Amino acid sequence: MSNSWPRQTLFYALMLVIILAPLPLGSNREWSWTLLAVLISGLSLIWLLLSASKPKSISTQLNPGIYLLFLLTCAWVLIQASGWLPVSWHHPLWSMTSEALGTKPGGSISVSSEDSQTALMRLLSYALVFFLSFQFGKSRKNALQAIRLLAFAGLAYAIFGLIKYWSGDAGLFWLQETSISSVHSTFINRNSYATYAGLTLLCAIAWFYQSVSVHRSNRVYEMPQGREIRIEQFILKTWKPLTAILLLSTALILTNSRGGFISSFLGCIVLLIALNARQKIKTQRSKAIIVTVITVAALAFFMSSEVLLERMDKIDVEGNQRLAVYELIAEPLKQGHFKGLGYGTFSDSFRMYRSDEISGHYDKAHNTYLENIFELGWPAALLLFSSIGWLAIMCLKGIKQRGRDWVYPATGLAATVLVGVHSAFDFSLQIPAVAVTYACIIGIACAQSYSSRL
């Protein structure tokens, strides 16, 4: 891709939108996710206009099958929300409502067409972030800048969250809390912030690795350097990413989120294994990198893990309630459930299945897989899962095949493991700020899974 200034300006504009997305409560309000979708759509339109004059600058390496799987999912959501299907396809709630009101039969498969359309808008905006990141991420410079910027953003939000936690300031913008017992930065939910912190922690580790694994030229007349000079150079090159790793690890642990910590831990393990998986780089330097990262993370853990360890030992009422919710969701799934109840309608549709043993309001299933199957039906949900899984496979191939810069597909694979595991316990990937951050990372990772010579 050409690095002309209009394209670079557009790239930095995209990164600015992604970096600022967590600021308004994770963009998890109607006005903020709508604004986010509008900004991303505008950037996509500008990219299209810029690329129209230079078609060769468009990266076409992404397998068309991925587009097909995703577009089929989107098409099904539109069908769910449409009112032109036979009445027999519509959800029974619509006919019951028309009978009660004495109006003409109408409706759709979706329990709420408006909610399905809104959810589709959000899904498409995440896809556009992935697409733009994939286009810009072909450049090594852009890939490195994106990872660094995300790590810096994660560090900034971690510092804000830690200051807020340690100072006991319970105010969160215009919302006031009675107390603050965990770090959640600008997010309302600590679990959602834990996923965001984990994703940016992966970026910080990748940045640290890039900082110390630069290949040095073999100069014949270069004088050997003393140990003190090497240590000084190491500190000067790595103090920024190491600071980010330390503070992000601390903030992650102080979220006291069991699911967030476990999924982030697994993501980091996957990344560290990948860093040492290639025979060509199994050197003392790569081992030193891994030991340093583990040491810094362990330091943060031992300094701040008391409450988290206490929660690890407990099985609370909330956990039992979630299991009861999962069982209720599974009932219609056992009976086929091919049509779904409408993408983005869980908050309304679950009310028809809940029992007296469920207390409180569940607008999310706390299991994204079950929720998507519940809303989309089996076929469409599997299409969506397959499209994301295909991206992870691309990253895995990139780790094995790339001669250089394979740290980016390694980061993308680790990020997919992180969000994939946490999605089985919570709904963090349904928070717009988390979703666009992951979409950016996986877009960069997939772009760097191909050789730059292709």
Protein backbone atom coordinates (compact mmCIF):
# COMPACT_ATOMS: atom_id res chain seq x y z
CA MET A 1 0.00 0.00 0.00
CA SER A 2 1.22 3.43 -0.85
CA ASN A 3 2.22 5.52 2.15
CA SER A 4 1.13 8.85 0.66
CA TRP A 5 0.13 11.46 3.22
CA PRO A 6 -3.66 11.22 2.65
CA ARG A 7 -3.55 7.50 3.38
CA GLN A 8 -1.31 7.95 6.40
CA THR A 9 -3.58 10.68 7.72
CA LEU A 10 -6.52 8.33 7.28
CA PHE A 11 -4.63 5.56 9.11
CA TYR A 12 -3.92 7.80 12.10
CA ALA A 13 -7.55 9.00 12.06
CA LEU A 14 -8.67 5.38 12.28
CA MET A 15 -6.30 4.71 15.18
CA LEU A 16 -7.55 7.84 16.96
CA VAL A 17 -11.14 6.62 16.73
CA ILE A 18 -10.16 3.19 18.07
CA ILE A 19 -8.06 4.67 20.88
CA LEU A 20 -10.84 7.05 21.98
CA ALA A 21 -13.58 4.40 21.79
CA PRO A 22 -13.15 3.30 25.45
CA LEU A 23 -13.48 6.87 26.73
CA PRO A 24 -17.30 7.20 26.66
CA LEU A 25 -17.97 4.17 28.91
CA GLY A 26 -16.58 1.73 26.36
CA SER A 27 -18.88 3.28 23.70
CA ASN A 28 -21.60 1.10 25.20
CA ARG A 29 -24.38 3.65 24.98
CA GLU A 30 -26.71 4.28 22.05
CA TRP A 31 -25.30 7.72 21.23
CA SER A 32 -21.67 6.59 21.52
CA TRP A 33 -21.93 3.39 19.48
CA THR A 34 -23.92 5.29 16.85
CA LEU A 35 -21.24 7.99 16.71
CA LEU A 36 -18.57 5.28 16.51
CA ALA A 37 -20.38 3.63 13.59
CA VAL A 38 -20.76 6.97 11.79
CA LEU A 39 -17.06 7.83 12.19
CA ILE A 40 -15.93 4.40 11.00
CA SER A 41 -18.30 4.54 8.05
CA GLY A 42 -16.99 7.98 7.14
CA LEU A 43 -13.39 6.80 7.27
CA SER A 44 -14.31 3.79 5.12
CA LEU A 45 -15.92 6.04 2.53
CA ILE A 46 -12.82 8.25 2.41
CA TRP A 47 -10.64 5.16 2.00
CA LEU A 48 -12.86 4.01 -0.86
CA LEU A 49 -12.52 7.37 -2.63
CA LEU A 50 -8.75 7.39 -2.18
CA SER A 51 -8.43 3.81 -3.40
CA ALA A 52 -10.64 4.36 -6.45
CA SER A 53 -7.82 6.27 -8.12
CA LYS A 54 -5.24 3.60 -7.21
CA PRO A 55 -6.91 0.16 -7.38
CA LYS A 56 -3.53 -1.57 -7.12
CA SER A 57 -3.16 -0.21 -3.58
CA ILE A 58 -6.07 -2.39 -2.41
CA SER A 59 -4.94 -5.58 -0.69
CA THR A 60 -6.93 -8.53 -2.06
CA GLN A 61 -5.10 -11.32 -0.26
CA LEU A 62 -7.89 -12.10 2.19
CA ASN A 63 -9.62 -15.33 1.22
CA PRO A 64 -13.03 -14.58 -0.39
CA GLY A 65 -14.53 -17.37 1.73
CA ILE A 66 -14.18 -15.17 4.83
CA TYR A 67 -16.15 -12.39 3.17
CA LEU A 68 -18.78 -14.91 2.06
CA LEU A 69 -19.29 -16.38 5.55
CA PHE A 70 -19.61 -12.95 7.13
CA LEU A 71 -21.91 -11.53 4.44
CA LEU A 72 -24.19 -14.58 4.66
CA THR A 73 -24.50 -13.93 8.40
CA CYS A 74 -25.40 -10.30 7.75
CA ALA A 75 -27.90 -11.31 5.08
CA TRP A 76 -29.62 -13.63 7.56
CA VAL A 77 -29.91 -10.80 10.10
CA LEU A 78 -31.62 -8.68 7.44
CA ILE A 79 -33.98 -11.57 6.70
CA GLN A 80 -34.73 -11.91 10.41
CA ALA A 81 -35.58 -8.21 10.65
CA SER A 82 -37.63 -8.08 7.44
CA GLY A 83 -41.43 -8.24 7.38
CA TRP A 84 -41.90 -9.77 3.94
CA LEU A 85 -41.47 -13.41 4.94
CA PRO A 86 -44.54 -15.67 5.32
CA VAL A 87 -46.42 -15.17 8.58
CA SER A 88 -45.66 -18.78 9.53
CA TRP A 89 -41.98 -17.77 9.79
CA HIS A 90 -42.69 -14.88 12.14
CA HIS A 91 -42.26 -15.21 15.86
CA PRO A 92 -45.58 -16.15 17.55
CA LEU A 93 -45.33 -13.05 19.73
CA TRP A 94 -46.27 -10.90 16.72
CA SER A 95 -49.54 -12.75 16.02
CA MET A 96 -50.43 -12.71 19.72
CA THR A 97 -49.88 -8.96 19.77
CA SER A 98 -51.95 -8.36 16.62
CA GLU A 99 -54.83 -10.42 18.03
CA ALA A 100 -54.76 -8.54 21.31
CA LEU A 101 -54.73 -5.16 19.55
CA GLY A 102 -57.09 -6.17 16.76
CA THR A 103 -54.62 -5.17 14.05
CA LYS A 104 -53.46 -6.89 10.87
CA PRO A 105 -50.93 -9.69 11.29
CA GLY A 106 -47.38 -8.50 10.80
CA GLY A 107 -43.97 -8.84 12.29
CA SER A 108 -40.79 -10.76 11.55
CA ILE A 109 -38.62 -13.62 12.73
CA SER A 110 -36.94 -11.15 15.05
CA VAL A 111 -38.69 -10.28 18.28
CA SER A 112 -37.54 -6.69 17.68
CA SER A 113 -36.61 -5.66 14.14
CA GLU A 114 -35.20 -2.34 15.34
CA ASP A 115 -32.83 -4.02 17.80
CA SER A 116 -31.66 -6.44 15.09
CA GLN A 117 -30.93 -3.57 12.72
CA THR A 118 -28.99 -1.73 15.43
CA ALA A 119 -26.97 -4.86 16.26
CA LEU A 120 -26.21 -5.34 12.56
CA MET A 121 -25.00 -1.74 12.31
CA ARG A 122 -22.59 -2.38 15.17
CA LEU A 123 -21.38 -5.66 13.68
CA LEU A 124 -20.73 -4.01 10.31
CA SER A 125 -18.78 -1.20 11.96
CA TYR A 126 -16.49 -3.78 13.62
CA ALA A 127 -16.04 -5.48 10.25
CA LEU A 128 -15.07 -2.16 8.67
CA VAL A 129 -12.44 -1.61 11.37
CA PHE A 130 -11.03 -5.03 10.56
CA PHE A 131 -11.08 -4.30 6.83
CA LEU A 132 -9.36 -0.91 7.15
CA SER A 133 -6.79 -2.34 9.58
CA PHE A 134 -6.12 -5.15 7.12
CA GLN A 135 -5.57 -2.64 4.31
CA PHE A 136 -3.30 -0.34 6.30
CA GLY A 137 -1.60 -3.18 8.17
CA LYS A 138 0.19 -4.41 5.07
CA SER A 139 2.75 -1.70 5.77
CA ARG A 140 5.34 -2.75 8.38
CA LYS A 141 5.48 0.83 9.63
CA ASN A 142 1.71 0.97 10.12
CA ALA A 143 1.64 -2.42 11.82
CA LEU A 144 4.29 -1.37 14.35
CA GLN A 145 2.64 2.01 14.91
CA ALA A 146 -0.77 0.41 15.48
CA ILE A 147 0.57 -2.01 18.09
CA ARG A 148 2.46 0.76 19.86
CA LEU A 149 -0.50 3.13 19.84
CA LEU A 150 -2.80 0.46 21.26
CA ALA A 151 -0.25 -0.31 23.98
CA PHE A 152 0.06 3.40 24.80
CA ALA A 153 -3.73 3.73 24.92
CA GLY A 154 -3.97 0.71 27.20
CA LEU A 155 -1.31 2.23 29.45
CA ALA A 156 -3.18 5.55 29.64
CA TYR A 157 -6.49 3.89 30.55
CA ALA A 158 -4.68 1.65 33.07
CA ILE A 159 -3.08 4.66 34.77
CA PHE A 160 -6.47 6.40 34.92
CA GLY A 161 -8.09 3.30 36.41
CA LEU A 162 -5.32 2.75 38.96
CA ILE A 163 -5.36 6.40 40.10
CA LYS A 164 -9.12 6.23 40.46
CA TYR A 165 -8.87 2.96 42.41
CA TRP A 166 -6.01 3.91 44.72
CA SER A 167 -7.40 7.40 45.40
CA GLY A 168 -10.85 6.02 46.20
CA ASP A 169 -12.50 8.47 43.78
CA ALA A 170 -15.82 6.75 43.01
CA GLY A 171 -16.91 9.24 40.33
CA LEU A 172 -16.93 8.05 36.75
CA PHE A 173 -17.58 11.03 34.49
CA TRP A 174 -21.22 11.99 35.10
CA LEU A 175 -22.02 8.68 36.82
CA GLN A 176 -21.42 8.40 40.55
CA GLU A 177 -20.67 5.15 42.35
CA THR A 178 -21.15 4.60 46.05
CA SER A 179 -17.77 2.84 46.28
CA ILE A 180 -14.99 1.51 44.11
CA SER A 181 -13.77 -2.01 44.84
CA SER A 182 -11.98 -2.85 41.60
CA VAL A 183 -10.27 -1.22 38.63
CA HIS A 184 -12.53 -0.69 35.63
CA SER A 185 -11.07 2.53 34.19
CA THR A 186 -13.58 4.19 31.81
CA PHE A 187 -15.68 1.03 31.48
CA ILE A 188 -18.79 0.41 33.57
CA ASN A 189 -18.09 -3.33 33.84
CA ARG A 190 -14.80 -4.55 35.32
CA ASN A 191 -14.94 -7.74 33.21
CA SER A 192 -15.14 -5.73 29.99
CA TYR A 193 -12.19 -3.60 31.04
CA ALA A 194 -10.24 -6.75 31.94
CA THR A 195 -10.59 -7.94 28.33
CA TYR A 196 -9.49 -4.55 27.01
CA ALA A 197 -6.52 -4.48 29.40
CA GLY A 198 -5.59 -8.00 28.30
CA LEU A 199 -5.68 -7.08 24.61
CA THR A 200 -3.49 -4.02 25.11
CA LEU A 201 -1.18 -6.06 27.35
CA LEU A 202 -0.60 -8.40 24.40
CA CYS A 203 0.25 -5.35 22.29
CA ALA A 204 2.71 -4.18 24.96
CA ILE A 205 4.41 -7.60 24.99
CA ALA A 206 4.65 -7.56 21.18
CA TRP A 207 6.09 -4.03 21.32
CA PHE A 208 8.64 -5.14 23.93
CA TYR A 209 9.65 -8.07 21.76
CA GLN A 210 10.06 -5.84 18.72
CA SER A 211 12.18 -3.43 20.76
CA VAL A 212 14.81 -6.01 21.69
CA SER A 213 14.72 -8.39 18.74
CA VAL A 214 15.91 -5.96 16.07
CA HIS A 215 18.57 -7.66 13.98
CA ARG A 216 21.90 -5.97 14.32
CA SER A 217 24.29 -5.76 11.42
CA ASN A 218 27.53 -7.70 11.79
CA ARG A 219 30.21 -5.10 11.61
CA VAL A 220 33.71 -6.56 11.38
CA TYR A 221 35.41 -3.77 13.26
CA GLU A 222 32.73 -3.30 15.92
CA MET A 223 34.24 -3.36 19.39
CA PRO A 224 32.59 -5.75 21.86
CA GLN A 225 30.47 -3.90 24.41
CA GLY A 226 30.76 -4.30 28.14
CA ARG A 227 28.00 -5.69 30.32
CA GLU A 228 27.14 -2.29 31.81
CA ILE A 229 26.70 -0.75 28.36
CA ARG A 230 24.49 -3.63 27.21
CA ILE A 231 22.29 -3.31 30.30
CA GLU A 232 22.03 0.45 29.78
CA GLN A 233 21.04 0.00 26.14
CA PHE A 234 18.50 -2.66 27.13
CA ILE A 235 16.87 -0.31 29.65
CA LEU A 236 16.80 2.61 27.23
CA LYS A 237 15.14 0.47 24.54
CA THR A 238 12.63 -1.33 26.72
CA TRP A 239 11.59 0.87 29.65
CA LYS A 240 8.46 2.10 27.88
CA PRO A 241 6.96 -1.31 26.95
CA LEU A 242 8.09 -2.80 30.27
CA THR A 243 6.33 0.02 32.14
CA ALA A 244 3.22 -0.67 30.09
CA ILE A 245 3.43 -4.42 30.86
CA LEU A 246 3.83 -3.77 34.60
CA LEU A 247 0.97 -1.28 34.93
CA LEU A 248 -1.37 -3.14 32.58
CA SER A 249 -0.77 -6.38 34.51
CA THR A 250 -1.45 -4.57 37.77
CA ALA A 251 -4.66 -3.00 36.45
CA LEU A 252 -5.79 -6.34 35.01
CA ILE A 253 -5.26 -8.14 38.32
CA LEU A 254 -7.02 -5.38 40.28
CA THR A 255 -10.13 -5.72 38.15
CA ASN A 256 -10.69 -8.85 40.29
CA SER A 257 -12.21 -10.41 37.20
CA ARG A 258 -11.67 -14.15 37.29
CA GLY A 259 -12.72 -14.72 33.67
CA GLY A 260 -10.77 -11.70 32.48
CA PHE A 261 -7.61 -12.76 34.29
CA ILE A 262 -7.77 -16.40 33.16
CA SER A 263 -8.46 -15.52 29.52
CA SER A 264 -5.73 -12.85 29.47
CA PHE A 265 -3.30 -15.27 31.12
CA LEU A 266 -4.03 -17.89 28.44
CA GLY A 267 -3.64 -15.27 25.70
CA CYS A 268 -0.25 -14.23 27.08
CA ILE A 269 0.85 -17.86 27.34
CA VAL A 270 -0.08 -18.43 23.69
CA LEU A 271 1.89 -15.35 22.65
CA LEU A 272 4.96 -16.31 24.70
CA ILE A 273 4.89 -19.86 23.33
CA ALA A 274 4.70 -18.45 19.81
CA LEU A 275 7.64 -16.14 20.54
CA ASN A 276 9.78 -19.17 21.28
CA ALA A 277 8.27 -21.56 18.73
CA ARG A 278 10.36 -20.72 15.70
CA GLN A 279 13.65 -22.57 15.46
CA LYS A 280 15.34 -19.60 13.82
CA ILE A 281 14.88 -17.36 16.83
CA LYS A 282 15.45 -19.83 19.65
CA THR A 283 18.34 -17.82 21.04
CA GLN A 284 19.40 -16.58 24.45
CA ARG A 285 17.86 -13.26 23.55
CA SER A 286 14.40 -14.71 22.90
CA LYS A 287 14.57 -16.66 26.16
CA ALA A 288 15.63 -13.51 28.01
CA ILE A 289 12.63 -11.69 26.57
CA ILE A 290 10.22 -14.35 27.80
CA VAL A 291 11.82 -14.48 31.26
CA THR A 292 11.65 -10.68 31.54
CA VAL A 293 7.96 -10.54 30.62
CA ILE A 294 7.08 -13.33 33.06
CA THR A 295 9.10 -11.66 35.82
CA VAL A 296 7.39 -8.29 35.36
CA ALA A 297 3.93 -9.89 35.22
CA ALA A 298 4.68 -12.02 38.28
CA LEU A 299 5.80 -8.92 40.18
CA ALA A 300 2.50 -7.24 39.41
CA PHE A 301 0.60 -10.39 40.43
CA PHE A 302 2.25 -10.79 43.83
CA MET A 303 1.79 -7.09 44.57
CA SER A 304 -1.92 -6.92 43.82
CA SER A 305 -3.61 -10.32 43.63
CA GLU A 306 -5.04 -10.74 47.13
CA VAL A 307 -8.69 -9.96 46.29
CA LEU A 308 -8.53 -11.83 42.99
CA LEU A 309 -7.25 -14.98 44.72
CA GLU A 310 -10.06 -14.71 47.26
CA ARG A 311 -12.61 -14.57 44.43
CA MET A 312 -10.95 -17.54 42.73
CA ASP A 313 -11.72 -19.63 45.82
CA LYS A 314 -15.41 -18.73 45.79
CA ILE A 315 -18.34 -20.01 43.77
CA ASP A 316 -20.81 -17.19 44.29
CA VAL A 317 -24.55 -16.84 43.75
CA GLU A 318 -23.96 -14.95 40.51
CA GLY A 319 -22.12 -17.95 39.07
CA ASN A 320 -24.98 -20.29 39.97
CA GLN A 321 -27.46 -17.89 38.37
CA ARG A 322 -25.45 -17.86 35.15
CA LEU A 323 -25.54 -21.65 35.01
CA ALA A 324 -29.32 -21.49 35.39
CA VAL A 325 -29.47 -18.94 32.56
CA TYR A 326 -27.36 -21.20 30.34
CA GLU A 327 -29.74 -24.10 30.99
CA LEU A 328 -32.76 -22.01 30.04
CA ILE A 329 -31.06 -20.78 26.86
CA ALA A 330 -30.14 -24.34 25.96
CA GLU A 331 -33.76 -25.52 26.01
CA PRO A 332 -34.82 -23.99 22.66
CA LEU A 333 -31.43 -24.90 21.19
CA LYS A 334 -32.09 -28.59 21.88
CA GLN A 335 -35.24 -28.35 19.75
CA GLY A 336 -33.44 -27.30 16.59
CA HIS A 337 -33.72 -23.51 16.75
CA PHE A 338 -32.66 -22.78 13.17
CA LYS A 339 -34.35 -19.39 12.74
CA GLY A 340 -33.24 -17.72 15.95
CA LEU A 341 -35.13 -15.02 17.80
CA GLY A 342 -33.43 -12.04 16.17
CA TYR A 343 -29.86 -10.78 16.34
CA GLY A 344 -29.44 -8.30 19.19
CA THR A 345 -32.76 -9.15 20.87
CA PHE A 346 -31.61 -11.23 23.84
CA SER A 347 -32.74 -8.66 26.39
CA ASP A 348 -36.35 -8.93 25.16
CA SER A 349 -36.51 -12.53 23.97
CA PHE A 350 -35.01 -14.11 27.10
CA ARG A 351 -37.92 -12.82 29.18
CA MET A 352 -40.14 -15.44 27.55
CA TYR A 353 -37.91 -18.26 28.83
CA ARG A 354 -36.73 -17.09 32.23
CA SER A 355 -37.96 -18.85 35.39
CA ASP A 356 -38.61 -17.76 38.95
CA GLU A 357 -35.18 -18.95 40.08
CA ILE A 358 -33.57 -16.19 37.99
CA SER A 359 -33.40 -12.90 39.88
CA GLY A 360 -32.36 -9.60 38.40
CA HIS A 361 -32.37 -8.42 34.79
CA TYR A 362 -30.26 -10.33 32.26
CA ASP A 363 -29.79 -8.25 29.12
CA LYS A 364 -26.77 -10.41 28.20
CA ALA A 365 -26.32 -14.17 28.45
CA HIS A 366 -22.76 -13.90 29.85
CA ASN A 367 -21.84 -16.41 27.16
CA THR A 368 -21.51 -14.86 23.72
CA TYR A 369 -21.60 -18.21 21.93
CA LEU A 370 -24.90 -19.28 23.47
CA GLU A 371 -26.34 -15.81 23.02
CA ASN A 372 -25.44 -15.68 19.32
CA ILE A 373 -26.92 -19.14 18.71
CA PHE A 374 -30.03 -18.11 20.67
CA GLU A 375 -30.44 -14.96 18.54
CA LEU A 376 -29.19 -16.09 15.13
CA GLY A 377 -30.03 -19.77 15.15
CA TRP A 378 -27.48 -22.57 14.65
CA PRO A 379 -26.63 -22.11 10.94
CA ALA A 380 -26.01 -18.35 10.96
CA ALA A 381 -24.16 -18.46 14.28
CA LEU A 382 -21.83 -21.14 12.94
CA LEU A 383 -21.17 -18.99 9.87
CA LEU A 384 -20.16 -16.08 12.11
CA PHE A 385 -17.97 -18.27 14.33
CA SER A 386 -16.33 -19.83 11.28
CA SER A 387 -15.42 -16.46 9.77
CA ILE A 388 -13.57 -15.46 12.95
CA GLY A 389 -12.02 -18.90 13.33
CA TRP A 390 -10.71 -18.64 9.76
CA LEU A 391 -8.88 -15.44 10.73
CA ALA A 392 -7.22 -17.25 13.63
CA ILE A 393 -6.09 -20.01 11.24
CA MET A 394 -4.60 -17.34 8.97
CA CYS A 395 -2.60 -16.02 11.92
CA LEU A 396 -1.39 -19.52 12.78
CA LYS A 397 -0.18 -19.99 9.21
CA GLY A 398 1.46 -16.57 9.31
CA ILE A 399 3.46 -17.57 12.40
CA LYS A 400 4.81 -20.61 10.59
CA GLN A 401 5.39 -19.08 7.15
CA ARG A 402 6.58 -15.52 7.71
CA GLY A 403 10.32 -14.96 7.56
CA ARG A 404 9.97 -11.78 9.61
CA ASP A 405 7.27 -9.78 11.40
CA TRP A 406 5.51 -12.97 12.46
CA VAL A 407 5.11 -11.39 15.91
CA TYR A 408 1.99 -9.66 14.52
CA PRO A 409 0.11 -12.85 13.54
CA ALA A 410 1.26 -14.30 16.89
CA THR A 411 -0.38 -11.36 18.64
CA GLY A 412 -3.54 -11.81 16.58
CA LEU A 413 -3.74 -15.50 17.48
CA ALA A 414 -3.21 -14.72 21.17
CA ALA A 415 -5.87 -11.99 21.05
CA THR A 416 -8.33 -14.45 19.49
CA VAL A 417 -7.64 -16.96 22.25
CA LEU A 418 -8.17 -14.23 24.85
CA VAL A 419 -11.53 -12.98 23.55
CA GLY A 420 -12.59 -16.50 22.59
CA VAL A 421 -12.10 -17.87 26.10
CA HIS A 422 -13.63 -14.87 27.85
CA SER A 423 -16.65 -14.96 25.55
CA ALA A 424 -17.56 -18.29 27.15
CA PHE A 425 -17.95 -16.57 30.53
CA ASP A 426 -18.94 -13.00 29.75
CA PHE A 427 -19.95 -10.51 27.09
CA SER A 428 -16.84 -8.32 26.74
CA LEU A 429 -16.65 -8.76 22.97
CA GLN A 430 -20.14 -7.23 22.76
CA ILE A 431 -18.77 -3.95 24.16
CA PRO A 432 -17.97 -1.71 21.14
CA ALA A 433 -14.62 -0.43 22.44
CA VAL A 434 -13.39 -3.97 23.05
CA ALA A 435 -14.72 -5.18 19.70
CA VAL A 436 -13.02 -2.46 17.63
CA THR A 437 -9.75 -2.97 19.51
CA TYR A 438 -9.81 -6.68 18.76
CA ALA A 439 -10.87 -6.00 15.14
CA CYS A 440 -7.86 -3.70 14.71
CA ILE A 441 -5.41 -6.23 16.20
CA ILE A 442 -6.69 -9.15 14.12
CA GLY A 443 -6.79 -6.96 10.99
CA ILE A 444 -3.13 -6.00 11.44
CA ALA A 445 -2.26 -9.61 12.27
CA CYS A 446 -3.95 -11.03 9.17
CA ALA A 447 -2.31 -8.41 6.94
CA GLN A 448 1.10 -9.36 8.31
CA SER A 449 0.36 -13.07 7.89
CA TYR A 450 1.28 -12.67 4.22
CA SER A 451 4.74 -11.92 2.87
CA SER A 452 5.27 -8.26 2.05
CA ARG A 453 6.75 -9.38 -1.27
CA LEU A 454 3.41 -10.79 -2.42
